[in-house]
N, C-alpha and C. Protein backbone atom coordinates (compact mmCIF):
# COMPACT_ATOMS: atom_id res chain seq x y z
N UNK A 1 3.52 36.20 50.19
CA UNK A 1 2.28 35.58 49.77
C UNK A 1 2.28 35.27 48.28
N UNK A 2 2.80 36.21 47.46
CA UNK A 2 2.81 35.96 46.02
C UNK A 2 3.78 34.85 45.65
N UNK A 3 4.83 34.66 46.45
CA UNK A 3 5.76 33.55 46.20
C UNK A 3 5.06 32.21 46.40
N UNK A 4 4.19 32.14 47.40
CA UNK A 4 3.43 30.91 47.66
C UNK A 4 2.45 30.67 46.51
N UNK A 5 1.77 31.73 46.09
CA UNK A 5 0.81 31.60 45.00
C UNK A 5 1.51 31.14 43.72
N UNK A 6 2.68 31.70 43.42
CA UNK A 6 3.45 31.29 42.25
C UNK A 6 3.86 29.84 42.33
N UNK A 7 4.22 29.40 43.53
CA UNK A 7 4.63 28.01 43.74
C UNK A 7 3.45 27.06 43.52
N UNK A 8 2.28 27.44 44.00
CA UNK A 8 1.08 26.62 43.82
C UNK A 8 0.72 26.53 42.34
N UNK A 9 0.81 27.66 41.62
CA UNK A 9 0.52 27.64 40.18
C UNK A 9 1.48 26.75 39.43
N UNK A 10 2.77 26.82 39.78
CA UNK A 10 3.77 25.97 39.13
C UNK A 10 3.47 24.50 39.40
N UNK A 11 3.07 24.20 40.63
CA UNK A 11 2.74 22.81 40.97
C UNK A 11 1.52 22.34 40.19
N UNK A 12 0.51 23.20 40.05
CA UNK A 12 -0.68 22.85 39.28
C UNK A 12 -0.32 22.54 37.83
N UNK A 13 0.57 23.36 37.28
CA UNK A 13 1.02 23.15 35.90
C UNK A 13 1.71 21.80 35.76
N UNK A 14 2.59 21.51 36.70
CA UNK A 14 3.34 20.25 36.65
C UNK A 14 2.42 19.04 36.83
N UNK A 15 1.47 19.16 37.75
CA UNK A 15 0.53 18.06 38.00
C UNK A 15 -0.32 17.80 36.76
N UNK A 16 -0.83 18.86 36.14
CA UNK A 16 -1.66 18.70 34.94
C UNK A 16 -0.84 18.08 33.81
N UNK A 17 0.36 18.55 33.61
CA UNK A 17 1.20 18.01 32.54
C UNK A 17 1.49 16.53 32.77
N UNK A 18 1.82 16.19 34.00
CA UNK A 18 2.12 14.79 34.32
C UNK A 18 0.87 13.91 34.14
N UNK A 19 -0.28 14.40 34.61
CA UNK A 19 -1.53 13.64 34.45
C UNK A 19 -1.87 13.46 32.98
N UNK A 20 -1.67 14.50 32.19
CA UNK A 20 -1.95 14.43 30.75
C UNK A 20 -1.07 13.38 30.08
N UNK A 21 0.22 13.42 30.36
CA UNK A 21 1.14 12.48 29.72
C UNK A 21 0.89 11.05 30.19
N UNK A 22 0.55 10.88 31.46
CA UNK A 22 0.23 9.53 31.96
C UNK A 22 -1.04 8.99 31.32
N UNK A 23 -2.08 9.83 31.23
CA UNK A 23 -3.34 9.39 30.62
C UNK A 23 -3.11 9.03 29.15
N UNK A 24 -2.35 9.87 28.46
CA UNK A 24 -2.06 9.61 27.04
C UNK A 24 -1.32 8.29 26.87
N UNK A 25 -0.35 8.04 27.73
CA UNK A 25 0.41 6.80 27.66
C UNK A 25 -0.51 5.60 27.85
N UNK A 26 -1.40 5.68 28.82
CA UNK A 26 -2.34 4.58 29.08
C UNK A 26 -3.28 4.35 27.90
N UNK A 27 -3.61 5.43 27.18
CA UNK A 27 -4.50 5.31 26.03
C UNK A 27 -3.76 4.94 24.76
N UNK A 28 -2.44 4.84 24.84
CA UNK A 28 -1.66 4.48 23.66
C UNK A 28 -1.40 5.63 22.72
N UNK A 29 -1.47 6.86 23.23
CA UNK A 29 -1.23 8.04 22.40
C UNK A 29 0.22 8.49 22.53
N UNK A 30 0.82 8.87 21.43
CA UNK A 30 2.19 9.38 21.45
C UNK A 30 2.19 10.85 21.89
N UNK A 31 3.37 11.37 22.23
CA UNK A 31 3.46 12.79 22.57
C UNK A 31 3.07 13.66 21.38
N UNK A 32 3.37 13.18 20.18
CA UNK A 32 2.98 13.93 18.98
C UNK A 32 1.46 14.04 18.90
N UNK A 33 0.76 12.93 19.16
CA UNK A 33 -0.70 12.95 19.13
C UNK A 33 -1.26 13.86 20.22
N UNK A 34 -0.66 13.81 21.40
CA UNK A 34 -1.11 14.68 22.49
C UNK A 34 -0.93 16.14 22.09
N UNK A 35 0.20 16.45 21.48
CA UNK A 35 0.45 17.81 21.01
C UNK A 35 -0.60 18.26 20.01
N UNK A 36 -1.02 17.36 19.13
CA UNK A 36 -2.07 17.68 18.16
C UNK A 36 -3.39 17.95 18.86
N UNK A 37 -3.67 17.23 19.93
CA UNK A 37 -4.93 17.42 20.66
C UNK A 37 -4.96 18.78 21.34
N UNK A 38 -3.89 19.13 22.03
CA UNK A 38 -3.91 20.37 22.83
C UNK A 38 -3.30 21.57 22.12
N UNK A 39 -2.81 21.36 20.90
CA UNK A 39 -2.29 22.48 20.12
C UNK A 39 -0.89 22.91 20.51
N UNK A 40 -0.07 21.99 20.98
CA UNK A 40 1.32 22.30 21.31
C UNK A 40 2.22 21.33 20.56
N UNK A 41 3.42 21.77 20.28
CA UNK A 41 4.38 20.90 19.63
C UNK A 41 4.88 19.82 20.57
N UNK A 42 5.32 18.73 20.00
CA UNK A 42 5.81 17.60 20.79
C UNK A 42 6.96 18.01 21.70
N UNK A 43 7.87 18.83 21.21
CA UNK A 43 9.03 19.22 22.02
C UNK A 43 8.63 20.15 23.16
N UNK A 44 7.63 21.00 22.95
CA UNK A 44 7.23 21.91 24.03
C UNK A 44 6.51 21.17 25.15
N UNK A 45 5.93 20.02 24.85
CA UNK A 45 5.27 19.23 25.90
C UNK A 45 6.27 18.77 26.95
N UNK A 46 7.45 18.38 26.52
CA UNK A 46 8.43 17.87 27.47
C UNK A 46 9.17 18.99 28.18
N UNK A 47 9.16 20.20 27.61
CA UNK A 47 9.90 21.30 28.22
C UNK A 47 9.02 22.26 29.01
N UNK A 48 7.83 22.52 28.52
CA UNK A 48 6.97 23.52 29.13
C UNK A 48 5.71 22.89 29.71
N UNK A 49 5.41 23.16 30.97
CA UNK A 49 4.19 22.58 31.55
C UNK A 49 2.93 23.20 30.94
N UNK A 50 1.84 22.47 31.02
CA UNK A 50 0.54 22.93 30.53
C UNK A 50 -0.17 23.62 31.69
N UNK A 51 -0.57 24.86 31.49
CA UNK A 51 -1.26 25.59 32.56
C UNK A 51 -2.76 25.33 32.49
N UNK A 52 -3.39 25.03 33.63
CA UNK A 52 -4.81 24.67 33.65
C UNK A 52 -5.75 25.73 33.07
N UNK A 53 -5.40 27.02 33.20
CA UNK A 53 -6.31 28.06 32.74
C UNK A 53 -6.05 28.51 31.30
N UNK A 54 -5.21 27.78 30.58
CA UNK A 54 -4.97 28.09 29.16
C UNK A 54 -5.89 27.22 28.29
N UNK A 55 -5.96 27.55 27.01
CA UNK A 55 -6.75 26.73 26.09
C UNK A 55 -6.19 25.31 26.04
N UNK A 56 -4.87 25.19 25.99
CA UNK A 56 -4.23 23.87 25.99
C UNK A 56 -4.58 23.11 27.27
N UNK A 57 -4.63 23.83 28.39
CA UNK A 57 -4.98 23.22 29.67
C UNK A 57 -6.41 22.70 29.69
N UNK A 58 -7.31 23.47 29.12
CA UNK A 58 -8.71 23.03 29.06
C UNK A 58 -8.85 21.78 28.19
N UNK A 59 -8.15 21.76 27.07
CA UNK A 59 -8.20 20.58 26.20
C UNK A 59 -7.55 19.37 26.88
N UNK A 60 -6.48 19.63 27.63
CA UNK A 60 -5.82 18.55 28.38
C UNK A 60 -6.78 17.95 29.40
N UNK A 61 -7.53 18.81 30.09
CA UNK A 61 -8.49 18.32 31.08
C UNK A 61 -9.58 17.47 30.44
N UNK A 62 -10.01 17.83 29.24
CA UNK A 62 -11.02 17.02 28.54
C UNK A 62 -10.44 15.66 28.16
N UNK A 63 -9.19 15.65 27.70
CA UNK A 63 -8.55 14.38 27.35
C UNK A 63 -8.39 13.49 28.59
N UNK A 64 -8.05 14.09 29.72
CA UNK A 64 -7.95 13.34 30.97
C UNK A 64 -9.32 12.81 31.37
N UNK A 65 -10.36 13.62 31.16
CA UNK A 65 -11.73 13.17 31.45
C UNK A 65 -12.10 11.96 30.61
N UNK A 66 -11.69 11.95 29.35
CA UNK A 66 -11.93 10.80 28.48
C UNK A 66 -11.25 9.57 29.05
N UNK A 67 -10.00 9.72 29.44
CA UNK A 67 -9.27 8.59 30.02
C UNK A 67 -9.97 8.07 31.27
N UNK A 68 -10.36 8.97 32.15
CA UNK A 68 -11.01 8.54 33.40
C UNK A 68 -12.31 7.80 33.12
N UNK A 69 -13.08 8.28 32.16
CA UNK A 69 -14.32 7.59 31.79
C UNK A 69 -14.04 6.20 31.26
N UNK A 70 -13.06 6.10 30.38
CA UNK A 70 -12.69 4.79 29.84
C UNK A 70 -12.19 3.86 30.94
N UNK A 71 -11.37 4.39 31.82
CA UNK A 71 -10.81 3.58 32.90
C UNK A 71 -11.92 2.95 33.73
N UNK A 72 -12.91 3.75 34.09
CA UNK A 72 -14.02 3.26 34.91
C UNK A 72 -14.87 2.26 34.13
N UNK A 73 -15.21 2.59 32.90
CA UNK A 73 -16.12 1.75 32.13
C UNK A 73 -15.48 0.44 31.68
N UNK A 74 -14.19 0.46 31.45
CA UNK A 74 -13.51 -0.74 30.96
C UNK A 74 -12.82 -1.49 32.09
N UNK A 75 -12.84 -0.94 33.27
CA UNK A 75 -12.26 -1.62 34.42
C UNK A 75 -10.75 -1.50 34.51
N UNK A 76 -10.20 -0.47 33.90
CA UNK A 76 -8.77 -0.22 34.02
C UNK A 76 -7.88 -1.10 33.16
N UNK A 77 -8.45 -1.86 32.26
CA UNK A 77 -7.67 -2.75 31.39
C UNK A 77 -7.00 -1.92 30.29
N UNK A 78 -5.69 -1.73 30.41
CA UNK A 78 -4.94 -0.88 29.49
C UNK A 78 -5.11 -1.31 28.04
N UNK A 79 -5.04 -2.59 27.78
CA UNK A 79 -5.16 -3.07 26.40
C UNK A 79 -6.54 -2.79 25.82
N UNK A 80 -7.58 -2.93 26.63
CA UNK A 80 -8.94 -2.64 26.16
C UNK A 80 -9.13 -1.14 25.92
N UNK A 81 -8.53 -0.32 26.79
CA UNK A 81 -8.60 1.13 26.60
C UNK A 81 -7.94 1.51 25.27
N UNK A 82 -6.76 0.96 25.04
CA UNK A 82 -6.05 1.25 23.78
C UNK A 82 -6.82 0.73 22.57
N UNK A 83 -7.41 -0.44 22.71
CA UNK A 83 -8.22 -1.00 21.63
C UNK A 83 -9.40 -0.08 21.32
N UNK A 84 -10.08 0.39 22.36
CA UNK A 84 -11.24 1.27 22.17
C UNK A 84 -10.82 2.55 21.45
N UNK A 85 -9.70 3.11 21.84
CA UNK A 85 -9.22 4.35 21.22
C UNK A 85 -8.85 4.16 19.75
N UNK A 86 -8.36 2.98 19.39
CA UNK A 86 -7.84 2.74 18.04
C UNK A 86 -8.84 2.09 17.09
N UNK A 87 -10.03 1.77 17.57
CA UNK A 87 -11.02 1.06 16.77
C UNK A 87 -12.13 2.00 16.32
N UNK A 88 -12.52 1.95 15.04
CA UNK A 88 -13.65 2.78 14.59
C UNK A 88 -14.89 2.52 15.45
N UNK A 89 -15.58 3.60 15.78
CA UNK A 89 -16.74 3.53 16.66
C UNK A 89 -17.94 4.08 15.91
N UNK A 90 -18.95 3.27 15.73
CA UNK A 90 -20.12 3.71 14.96
C UNK A 90 -20.92 4.79 15.71
N UNK A 91 -20.82 4.83 17.03
CA UNK A 91 -21.57 5.83 17.80
C UNK A 91 -20.93 7.21 17.72
N UNK A 92 -19.61 7.26 17.65
CA UNK A 92 -18.93 8.56 17.54
C UNK A 92 -18.62 8.90 16.08
N UNK A 93 -18.92 7.96 15.19
CA UNK A 93 -18.73 8.14 13.75
C UNK A 93 -17.27 8.35 13.36
N UNK A 94 -16.39 7.58 13.99
CA UNK A 94 -14.98 7.67 13.65
C UNK A 94 -14.13 6.88 14.63
N UNK A 95 -12.83 6.99 14.47
CA UNK A 95 -11.89 6.34 15.37
C UNK A 95 -11.49 7.36 16.44
N UNK A 96 -11.79 7.09 17.71
CA UNK A 96 -11.53 8.07 18.76
C UNK A 96 -10.13 8.69 18.76
N UNK A 97 -9.10 7.88 18.52
CA UNK A 97 -7.74 8.44 18.54
C UNK A 97 -7.51 9.46 17.43
N UNK A 98 -8.28 9.38 16.37
CA UNK A 98 -8.21 10.37 15.29
C UNK A 98 -9.17 11.53 15.57
N UNK A 99 -10.35 11.22 16.09
CA UNK A 99 -11.35 12.25 16.34
C UNK A 99 -10.89 13.29 17.34
N UNK A 100 -10.11 12.87 18.33
CA UNK A 100 -9.72 13.79 19.40
C UNK A 100 -8.73 14.85 18.94
N UNK A 101 -8.28 14.79 17.70
CA UNK A 101 -7.30 15.76 17.20
C UNK A 101 -7.92 17.12 16.89
N UNK A 102 -9.25 17.20 16.91
CA UNK A 102 -9.89 18.51 16.79
C UNK A 102 -10.93 18.65 17.90
N UNK A 103 -11.29 19.86 18.21
CA UNK A 103 -12.16 20.13 19.36
C UNK A 103 -13.52 19.46 19.20
N UNK A 104 -14.09 19.50 18.01
CA UNK A 104 -15.39 18.88 17.79
C UNK A 104 -15.34 17.39 18.09
N UNK A 105 -14.33 16.72 17.57
CA UNK A 105 -14.18 15.28 17.82
C UNK A 105 -13.87 14.97 19.27
N UNK A 106 -13.02 15.79 19.89
CA UNK A 106 -12.69 15.61 21.30
C UNK A 106 -13.95 15.67 22.15
N UNK A 107 -14.79 16.67 21.87
CA UNK A 107 -16.03 16.81 22.63
C UNK A 107 -17.02 15.69 22.30
N UNK A 108 -17.06 15.25 21.06
CA UNK A 108 -17.95 14.16 20.68
C UNK A 108 -17.60 12.90 21.48
N UNK A 109 -16.32 12.57 21.56
CA UNK A 109 -15.88 11.39 22.29
C UNK A 109 -16.17 11.56 23.79
N UNK A 110 -15.85 12.73 24.34
CA UNK A 110 -16.09 12.98 25.77
C UNK A 110 -17.58 12.89 26.10
N UNK A 111 -18.42 13.51 25.28
CA UNK A 111 -19.86 13.49 25.52
C UNK A 111 -20.44 12.09 25.39
N UNK A 112 -19.95 11.33 24.42
CA UNK A 112 -20.40 9.95 24.25
C UNK A 112 -20.08 9.14 25.51
N UNK A 113 -18.85 9.25 25.99
CA UNK A 113 -18.46 8.48 27.18
C UNK A 113 -19.24 8.94 28.41
N UNK A 114 -19.50 10.25 28.52
CA UNK A 114 -20.31 10.74 29.64
C UNK A 114 -21.72 10.17 29.58
N UNK A 115 -22.29 10.10 28.38
CA UNK A 115 -23.65 9.57 28.22
C UNK A 115 -23.69 8.09 28.58
N UNK A 116 -22.70 7.34 28.14
CA UNK A 116 -22.64 5.91 28.46
C UNK A 116 -22.46 5.71 29.96
N UNK A 117 -21.61 6.52 30.55
CA UNK A 117 -21.36 6.40 31.99
C UNK A 117 -22.65 6.66 32.78
N UNK A 118 -23.47 7.57 32.27
CA UNK A 118 -24.73 7.87 32.93
C UNK A 118 -25.69 6.68 32.94
N UNK A 119 -25.53 5.76 32.00
CA UNK A 119 -26.40 4.59 31.91
C UNK A 119 -25.93 3.45 32.81
N UNK A 120 -24.66 3.50 33.21
CA UNK A 120 -24.11 2.40 34.02
C UNK A 120 -24.61 2.50 35.44
């Protein structure tokens, strides 16, 4: 039974890591930027999976939430998503791709997108 549980946990780690890297790629973020967001080095991202119940995992889930919100609101247009991330935003008081590098900014961007999504 514990072998099955270990296998499920490993799969969860791999799925989260893959989802994080895919979302970051779609948003135009480098692995270095992703590492800054979740507090891991660029090299450890490619070698070690992100576990969902860790602090890095929680931050990864918030970044994925940001991507999902943008995807829905912008209609999945990769270039528009990247433009939104790289352009100063007067509502979040900064450039989202820079703001997400600390927890306060990450939450500000996530909360802003959640609020906008609620109006749609």
